[in-house]
Every structure is written in structure tokens, then in C-alpha cells.
Amino acid sequence: MKFLSISVVLTLALVATHSSAQHCHVYEDNLVSMEDLRNVDISPNNNGAQVIFGKSRHGGKNRIELYDEPFGIKKVEYPRELKNHALVRFNVRKHHIQFPIPDQFASAAHHNPIESMLEHLDVWSRTRDSDLVLAHFTARQFELFEEAMRRKGVPEGEGDWQVVERDLQKVADEDANKIYMTSLELHLQSGSNLKGIDYDTWFKNFHKHDEIRAFFIQLAKDYPQLITFIPSIGKTIESRDIFAIRLTAKEDDGTIREKPQIWWQGLQHAREWAGGSTVQYLSHHFASNYGKNDEITAILHDTEFIIVPIMNVDGYDYS
């Protein structure tokens, strides 16, 4: 789980590239119209696709390669420029160094050496009380940092600095392969699983809108004493139904007595996929532990949850 952050960051980068066009070339310096996409060569001789997903913090263009695979599942190759980039945890007050600053930016440089260093890094976390920083170094930055530590005579693992990961490219590639293999596994299981949703494997991957809807329909069938599926609480601007569920302990006759209500919603922001997964997990966790966990049982007995798993249906379908 220590590499969850990069999984999320790289997955969000991938989200921006997903569209109905399977083969396209999009450049960050130019606006590309739908007509341009229609004219893209999608013949078998056009191998793969190259999609640029934004500007790099450290210069150069970032590319994600998509390759057609069986069942329409695409294998992803993340940007190659992460090679030898390192993730380092260190005490910035003890071990700050000065990175070279181009002349044109010298006047705007921080006078505080600590802030000057951090301004050049991709800081993932910072603990002010202990001065500990977790940061992403480019290959060149890491080379300069290691050399500085060598000259100070402070080996890794001592003096408040350690390398969490020496090659973020390797982490990204392993992450891409894990996502791909899980997608294949879930696809194969969906074709042979007569029961429907397999809760044991569901949370290994993200899912499409229709799959999430099917998940909550199945949840309502498996836990009818707790969950009522509501097919639509309204329409989106593109006429998609916004579905919801009611989660609470019902009376013996199936009715729901009046009780305090709590509103949960996921995916208000369409690309915050982890938020949607959280709502799915909590819904299943509460339902599956009713009658087993005293606290959950008491909560569902005295409280009703109104849950909208996908608030921004149009945006989530697009993403």
C-alpha cells in the first residue's frame, strides 16, 4: 500500500486519455477537434496509440501508450521518463541542497534554502514538526542529492534519510501490469460466474457505471432486509438515470420507520475514482456486517443512509 499514491496519480493521468477513439494522436500544444479525431488512421497498420496527457514538471512530453488487447481491455505503458526517478524520505532541515537554477529564474528564486530546494522537487508529503519530507526526485536531482550525502559522510539509512524507491518507472510498470491482469481476471470471472457479483474480487479494480449499478442491484438482492435499490432519483443533462439506495435495518414487515438520515454520495467529481470505490466498499461493509458487528448493527437499527454512488453519471461515463 505504500505505493498507493503513485497508483492514483498515474491512474488519473490515464483517465484523461480514455475516449471512444482507440487510436489517436493528441498534442498538448495544439487543440484537437472532433473532426481531427474522426480523420485519425485506425487501420491495422497503425500500431498502438500515443496520447500526451499534459505538461511534465521536469520538462519534456509525457506519453501513455495504449495497445489493443483481447476483450477490448487495453494494456498501458506509462511514461518512460520516470526511469531512475527516486522517491526519498529525508530531513529537509539537515539535508537540504541547492539545485542549479537557470539564469532567467534566478531573480525569482527563494532566499530560504529549504524552500528553494522543495520548490524544485515533487513533494508528496511534508511533516512540519519533524522536518521530514517525502519527495520525488528526477534522476539528475537524485544523483546530486546522493553525491551531497556522500560528501557529508552520511550513508543511506542514517542521518534521517532513506530511499523508498530507486526507480519509479519500475513501480509504474508493475502497477500497470497489475491493473491489466486484474482486469483480465475480472472479465473472465464475469463470463463464468453464474452468481453475479463476486464481492471477494470486486474491490481489486475500478468499474464502469453499468457495472457499479449492477453491483448495487446485487447488493440489494443479497441484503433485502437492509437495502432498497432506487432506479432513479432524477436525470442527468444527458438523460442518464442517477440511481441510489436506502441502507437501514427494516421492520419485520419490510417498512422503514422514521429515523435520522445520513446522505452519502460518490463521484461528484467524475475522475475521483477512489471516492466511488469508497462508497461501494462502505455500503458492502455495513450490509455484510449487520448482525455480526454490534456497532454497525446499532447504527443501521437507528439510522438510515441515503446513498448516491455516482452523482456525476455523465462525467463518470466520459472518464
Protein backbone atom coordinates (compact mmCIF):
# COMPACT_ATOMS: atom_id res chain seq x y z
CA MET A 1 0.00 0.00 0.00
CA LYS A 2 2.97 2.32 0.29
CA PHE A 3 2.77 2.99 -3.43
CA LEU A 4 -0.93 3.83 -3.47
CA SER A 5 -0.21 7.50 -4.23
CA ILE A 6 1.57 6.82 -7.50
CA SER A 7 -1.16 4.34 -8.48
CA VAL A 8 -3.77 7.05 -8.03
CA VAL A 9 -1.73 9.76 -9.79
CA LEU A 10 -0.91 7.58 -12.78
CA THR A 11 -4.44 6.22 -12.99
CA LEU A 12 -5.88 9.74 -13.12
CA ALA A 13 -3.44 10.53 -15.93
CA LEU A 14 -4.77 7.51 -17.79
CA VAL A 15 -8.38 8.59 -17.23
CA ALA A 16 -7.85 11.71 -19.33
CA THR A 17 -6.85 9.60 -22.31
CA HIS A 18 -9.89 7.29 -22.37
CA SER A 19 -12.34 8.06 -25.16
CA SER A 20 -14.19 6.33 -27.94
CA ALA A 21 -11.23 6.77 -30.27
CA GLN A 22 -8.93 3.79 -29.79
CA HIS A 23 -6.08 5.19 -31.88
CA CYS A 24 -5.33 8.90 -31.79
CA HIS A 25 -2.55 11.44 -31.53
CA VAL A 26 -3.26 14.39 -29.22
CA TYR A 27 -0.63 17.02 -28.60
CA GLU A 28 -0.54 19.33 -25.60
CA ASP A 29 0.48 22.34 -27.69
CA ASN A 30 -2.50 22.12 -30.04
CA LEU A 31 -6.26 21.97 -29.75
CA VAL A 32 -7.67 18.87 -31.43
CA SER A 33 -11.22 18.93 -32.76
CA MET A 34 -13.62 16.02 -33.05
CA GLU A 35 -13.16 16.25 -36.81
CA ASP A 36 -9.44 15.67 -36.30
CA LEU A 37 -10.22 12.54 -34.29
CA ARG A 38 -12.57 11.24 -36.98
CA ASN A 39 -9.79 11.57 -39.54
CA VAL A 40 -7.29 9.58 -37.49
CA ASP A 41 -5.94 6.46 -39.21
CA ILE A 42 -7.32 3.46 -37.33
CA SER A 43 -6.19 0.90 -39.88
CA PRO A 44 -4.44 -2.29 -38.71
CA ASN A 45 -1.15 -0.81 -39.91
CA ASN A 46 -1.38 1.92 -37.29
CA ASN A 47 0.24 0.20 -34.31
CA GLY A 48 -0.99 1.38 -30.93
CA ALA A 49 -1.73 4.93 -29.94
CA GLN A 50 0.23 7.76 -28.46
CA VAL A 51 -1.59 10.17 -26.20
CA ILE A 52 0.03 13.10 -24.45
CA PHE A 53 -1.68 13.79 -21.14
CA GLY A 54 -0.19 17.09 -20.04
CA LYS A 55 2.95 19.01 -19.26
CA SER A 56 5.81 17.45 -17.37
CA ARG A 57 7.01 19.09 -14.18
CA HIS A 58 10.57 18.35 -15.20
CA GLY A 59 10.35 19.16 -18.90
CA GLY A 60 9.62 17.06 -21.96
CA LYS A 61 6.35 15.49 -23.03
CA ASN A 62 4.63 12.71 -21.13
CA ARG A 63 3.17 9.89 -23.18
CA ILE A 64 0.94 6.97 -22.35
CA GLU A 65 0.96 4.10 -24.83
CA LEU A 66 -2.28 2.15 -25.33
CA TYR A 67 -2.32 -1.24 -27.01
CA ASP A 68 -5.38 -3.16 -28.18
CA GLU A 69 -5.76 -6.41 -26.27
CA PRO A 70 -8.30 -9.27 -26.08
CA PHE A 71 -11.81 -8.45 -24.78
CA GLY A 72 -11.24 -4.75 -25.50
CA ILE A 73 -9.04 -4.42 -22.41
CA LYS A 74 -6.03 -2.21 -23.07
CA LYS A 75 -2.60 -2.69 -21.64
CA VAL A 76 -0.95 0.54 -20.63
CA GLU A 77 2.67 1.59 -20.72
CA TYR A 78 3.38 4.57 -18.54
CA PRO A 79 5.76 7.44 -19.40
CA ARG A 80 9.35 6.33 -19.94
CA GLU A 81 10.83 9.43 -18.29
CA LEU A 82 10.31 8.03 -14.81
CA LYS A 83 13.35 5.80 -15.31
CA ASN A 84 15.73 6.16 -12.34
CA HIS A 85 13.46 8.72 -10.68
CA ALA A 86 13.59 8.14 -6.95
CA LEU A 87 11.23 8.51 -4.02
CA VAL A 88 13.19 9.70 -0.99
CA ARG A 89 12.25 10.40 2.63
CA PHE A 90 14.65 12.83 4.29
CA ASN A 91 15.04 15.52 6.93
CA VAL A 92 14.99 18.68 4.84
CA ARG A 93 16.48 20.86 7.56
CA LYS A 94 19.54 18.63 7.89
CA HIS A 95 19.96 17.65 4.26
CA HIS A 96 18.81 20.46 2.01
CA ILE A 97 20.95 21.12 -1.06
CA GLN A 98 20.94 23.77 -3.75
CA PHE A 99 19.84 22.69 -7.22
CA PRO A 100 21.15 24.64 -10.25
CA ILE A 101 18.78 27.46 -11.19
CA PRO A 102 18.63 28.77 -14.78
CA ASP A 103 19.64 32.42 -15.08
CA GLN A 104 16.19 33.52 -16.25
CA PHE A 105 14.67 32.24 -12.98
CA ALA A 106 17.39 33.38 -10.61
CA SER A 107 15.62 36.61 -9.62
CA ALA A 108 12.50 34.71 -8.56
CA ALA A 109 14.37 32.07 -6.56
CA HIS A 110 13.60 31.57 -2.87
CA HIS A 111 16.13 33.05 -0.44
CA ASN A 112 15.25 30.35 2.06
CA PRO A 113 17.47 27.38 1.03
CA ILE A 114 14.98 24.82 2.34
CA GLU A 115 12.04 26.24 0.41
CA SER A 116 14.27 26.71 -2.62
CA MET A 117 15.08 23.00 -2.67
CA LEU A 118 11.48 21.91 -2.13
CA GLU A 119 10.30 24.20 -4.90
CA HIS A 120 12.32 22.11 -7.34
CA LEU A 121 11.03 18.77 -6.06
CA ASP A 122 7.71 16.99 -6.42
CA VAL A 123 6.85 16.87 -2.71
CA TRP A 124 4.45 14.06 -1.79
CA SER A 125 4.25 14.75 1.95
CA ARG A 126 5.78 17.07 4.49
CA THR A 127 5.71 16.83 8.26
CA ARG A 128 6.46 20.26 9.64
CA ASP A 129 7.00 19.15 13.24
CA SER A 130 9.84 16.77 12.36
CA ASP A 131 11.02 18.37 9.08
CA LEU A 132 10.55 15.00 7.33
CA VAL A 133 9.74 15.20 3.63
CA LEU A 134 8.78 12.51 1.14
CA ALA A 135 9.68 13.72 -2.34
CA HIS A 136 10.03 12.57 -5.93
CA PHE A 137 13.49 13.29 -7.37
CA THR A 138 14.35 13.24 -11.06
CA ALA A 139 17.34 11.07 -11.99
CA ARG A 140 19.64 14.12 -12.08
CA GLN A 141 18.30 15.56 -8.81
CA PHE A 142 18.79 12.23 -7.07
CA GLU A 143 22.32 11.98 -8.43
CA LEU A 144 23.13 15.42 -6.97
CA PHE A 145 21.48 14.53 -3.64
CA GLU A 146 23.35 11.22 -3.30
CA GLU A 147 26.63 12.94 -4.11
CA ALA A 148 25.94 15.58 -1.44
CA MET A 149 25.20 12.88 1.14
CA ARG A 150 28.38 11.03 0.18
CA ARG A 151 30.48 14.17 0.66
CA LYS A 152 28.85 14.77 4.04
CA GLY A 153 29.67 11.21 5.02
CA VAL A 154 26.04 10.32 5.76
CA PRO A 155 25.16 6.88 4.33
CA GLU A 156 21.60 5.97 3.42
CA GLY A 157 19.56 4.82 6.39
CA GLU A 158 21.42 7.12 8.77
CA GLY A 159 21.09 10.81 9.49
CA ASP A 160 17.36 10.90 8.67
CA TRP A 161 17.36 9.95 5.01
CA GLN A 162 16.40 6.82 3.11
CA VAL A 163 15.40 5.81 -0.42
CA VAL A 164 11.86 4.47 -0.51
CA GLU A 165 12.06 3.58 -4.21
CA ARG A 166 15.04 3.96 -6.56
CA ASP A 167 13.16 3.55 -9.85
CA LEU A 168 9.62 4.89 -10.08
CA GLN A 169 9.41 3.61 -13.64
CA LYS A 170 9.57 0.07 -12.29
CA VAL A 171 6.78 0.85 -9.83
CA ALA A 172 4.63 2.37 -12.58
CA ASP A 173 5.19 -0.60 -14.90
CA GLU A 174 4.36 -3.10 -12.16
CA ASP A 175 1.25 -1.09 -11.31
CA ALA A 176 0.13 -1.05 -14.97
CA ASN A 177 0.63 -4.79 -15.27
CA LYS A 178 -1.28 -5.43 -12.03
CA ILE A 179 -4.23 -3.34 -13.26
CA TYR A 180 -4.19 -5.14 -16.61
CA MET A 181 -4.03 -8.65 -15.13
CA THR A 182 -6.77 -7.83 -12.63
CA SER A 183 -8.97 -6.51 -15.45
CA LEU A 184 -8.47 -9.74 -17.40
CA GLU A 185 -9.20 -11.83 -14.31
CA LEU A 186 -12.40 -9.95 -13.54
CA HIS A 187 -13.53 -10.15 -17.17
CA LEU A 188 -13.04 -13.91 -17.28
CA GLN A 189 -14.80 -14.31 -13.94
CA SER A 190 -17.77 -12.23 -15.10
CA GLY A 191 -18.24 -14.60 -18.02
CA SER A 192 -18.28 -17.74 -15.89
CA ASN A 193 -19.69 -16.56 -12.58
CA LEU A 194 -23.38 -17.51 -12.55
CA LYS A 195 -23.87 -15.92 -9.13
CA GLY A 196 -23.24 -12.42 -10.46
CA ILE A 197 -21.06 -10.02 -8.48
CA ASP A 198 -18.10 -11.63 -6.71
CA TYR A 199 -17.54 -9.45 -3.64
CA ASP A 200 -14.15 -11.08 -2.96
CA THR A 201 -12.66 -9.75 -6.20
CA TRP A 202 -14.81 -6.67 -6.81
CA PHE A 203 -12.57 -4.25 -4.93
CA LYS A 204 -9.43 -5.23 -6.83
CA ASN A 205 -10.25 -2.83 -9.64
CA PHE A 206 -12.27 0.20 -10.72
CA HIS A 207 -15.53 -0.38 -12.60
CA LYS A 208 -17.73 1.22 -15.24
CA HIS A 209 -21.06 2.89 -14.50
CA ASP A 210 -23.18 -0.07 -15.62
CA GLU A 211 -21.08 -2.47 -13.55
CA ILE A 212 -21.43 -0.31 -10.44
CA ARG A 213 -25.18 -0.14 -10.97
CA ALA A 214 -25.26 -3.95 -11.24
CA PHE A 215 -23.18 -4.16 -8.04
CA PHE A 216 -25.79 -2.22 -6.04
CA ILE A 217 -28.68 -4.14 -7.59
CA GLN A 218 -26.96 -7.37 -6.49
CA LEU A 219 -26.29 -5.90 -3.05
CA ALA A 220 -30.00 -5.10 -2.66
CA LYS A 221 -30.92 -8.67 -3.68
CA ASP A 222 -28.41 -10.20 -1.26
CA TYR A 223 -29.43 -7.96 1.67
CA PRO A 224 -33.15 -7.21 1.15
CA GLN A 225 -33.69 -6.66 4.86
CA LEU A 226 -31.29 -3.70 4.71
CA ILE A 227 -31.10 -2.26 1.20
CA THR A 228 -33.69 -0.78 -1.15
CA PHE A 229 -32.47 -0.03 -4.69
CA ILE A 230 -33.88 3.17 -6.23
CA PRO A 231 -33.51 3.06 -10.04
CA SER A 232 -33.62 6.83 -10.46
CA ILE A 233 -33.79 9.94 -8.30
CA GLY A 234 -33.51 12.14 -11.40
CA LYS A 235 -31.95 12.51 -14.82
CA THR A 236 -28.62 13.99 -15.85
CA ILE A 237 -28.31 16.60 -18.60
CA GLU A 238 -27.56 13.71 -20.97
CA SER A 239 -30.67 11.84 -19.77
CA ARG A 240 -28.92 9.17 -17.73
CA ASP A 241 -30.60 7.93 -14.56
CA ILE A 242 -28.99 8.79 -11.23
CA PHE A 243 -29.59 5.71 -9.10
CA ALA A 244 -29.45 5.47 -5.31
CA ILE A 245 -30.01 3.08 -2.42
CA ARG A 246 -31.54 3.29 1.05
CA LEU A 247 -29.47 1.41 3.63
CA THR A 248 -31.01 0.74 7.04
CA ALA A 249 -32.49 -2.07 9.13
CA LYS A 250 -36.10 -2.56 8.05
CA GLU A 251 -39.01 -3.53 10.26
CA ASP A 252 -40.27 -7.13 10.21
CA ASP A 253 -42.94 -6.19 7.65
CA GLY A 254 -40.35 -4.59 5.34
CA THR A 255 -41.27 -1.00 6.14
CA ILE A 256 -38.78 1.66 7.27
CA ARG A 257 -39.68 3.63 10.35
CA GLU A 258 -38.74 7.27 10.57
CA LYS A 259 -35.21 7.75 11.86
CA PRO A 260 -32.27 10.18 11.42
CA GLN A 261 -30.85 10.13 7.90
CA ILE A 262 -27.31 10.46 6.60
CA TRP A 263 -26.56 11.32 2.97
CA TRP A 264 -23.57 9.74 1.20
CA GLN A 265 -22.59 10.41 -2.38
CA GLY A 266 -19.68 9.40 -4.57
CA LEU A 267 -18.12 10.71 -7.76
CA GLN A 268 -19.37 14.27 -7.65
CA HIS A 269 -16.04 14.89 -9.37
CA ALA A 270 -16.00 12.26 -12.11
CA ARG A 271 -12.29 11.42 -12.04
CA GLU A 272 -12.05 10.89 -8.28
CA TRP A 273 -12.47 7.15 -8.77
CA ALA A 274 -11.28 6.29 -5.27
CA GLY A 275 -14.28 8.16 -3.86
CA GLY A 276 -16.65 5.93 -5.79
CA SER A 277 -14.86 2.80 -4.60
CA THR A 278 -15.09 4.06 -1.02
CA VAL A 279 -18.88 4.37 -1.23
CA GLN A 280 -19.12 0.86 -2.72
CA TYR A 281 -16.87 -0.58 -0.01
CA LEU A 282 -18.70 1.07 2.88
CA SER A 283 -22.10 0.02 1.53
CA HIS A 284 -20.98 -3.61 1.30
CA HIS A 285 -19.12 -3.46 4.63
CA PHE A 286 -22.16 -2.15 6.52
CA ALA A 287 -24.55 -4.61 4.88
CA SER A 288 -22.34 -7.68 5.24
CA ASN A 289 -21.53 -6.95 8.89
CA TYR A 290 -25.05 -6.25 10.10
CA GLY A 291 -25.83 -8.75 12.84
CA LYS A 292 -22.14 -9.60 13.20
CA ASN A 293 -20.72 -6.29 14.40
CA ASP A 294 -22.53 -4.68 17.34
CA GLU A 295 -21.68 -1.09 16.35
CA ILE A 296 -22.76 -1.48 12.74
CA THR A 297 -25.92 -3.29 13.81
CA ALA A 298 -26.80 -0.46 16.21
CA ILE A 299 -26.07 2.22 13.61
CA LEU A 300 -28.26 0.60 10.95
CA HIS A 301 -31.02 -0.02 13.50
CA ASP A 302 -31.21 3.65 14.46
CA THR A 303 -30.02 5.44 11.29
CA GLU A 304 -30.94 5.44 7.60
CA PHE A 305 -28.31 6.08 4.91
CA ILE A 306 -29.35 7.58 1.58
CA ILE A 307 -26.51 6.70 -0.79
CA VAL A 308 -25.93 8.03 -4.31
CA PRO A 309 -22.96 6.02 -5.62
CA ILE A 310 -22.41 8.07 -8.81
CA MET A 311 -23.59 11.66 -8.60
CA ASN A 312 -21.93 12.83 -11.81
CA VAL A 313 -23.01 9.98 -14.11
CA ASP A 314 -22.30 11.82 -17.37
CA GLY A 315 -18.80 12.80 -16.28
CA TYR A 316 -18.01 9.33 -14.94
CA ASP A 317 -19.12 7.65 -18.18
CA TYR A 318 -16.87 10.07 -20.07
CA SER A 319 -13.90 9.43 -17.81
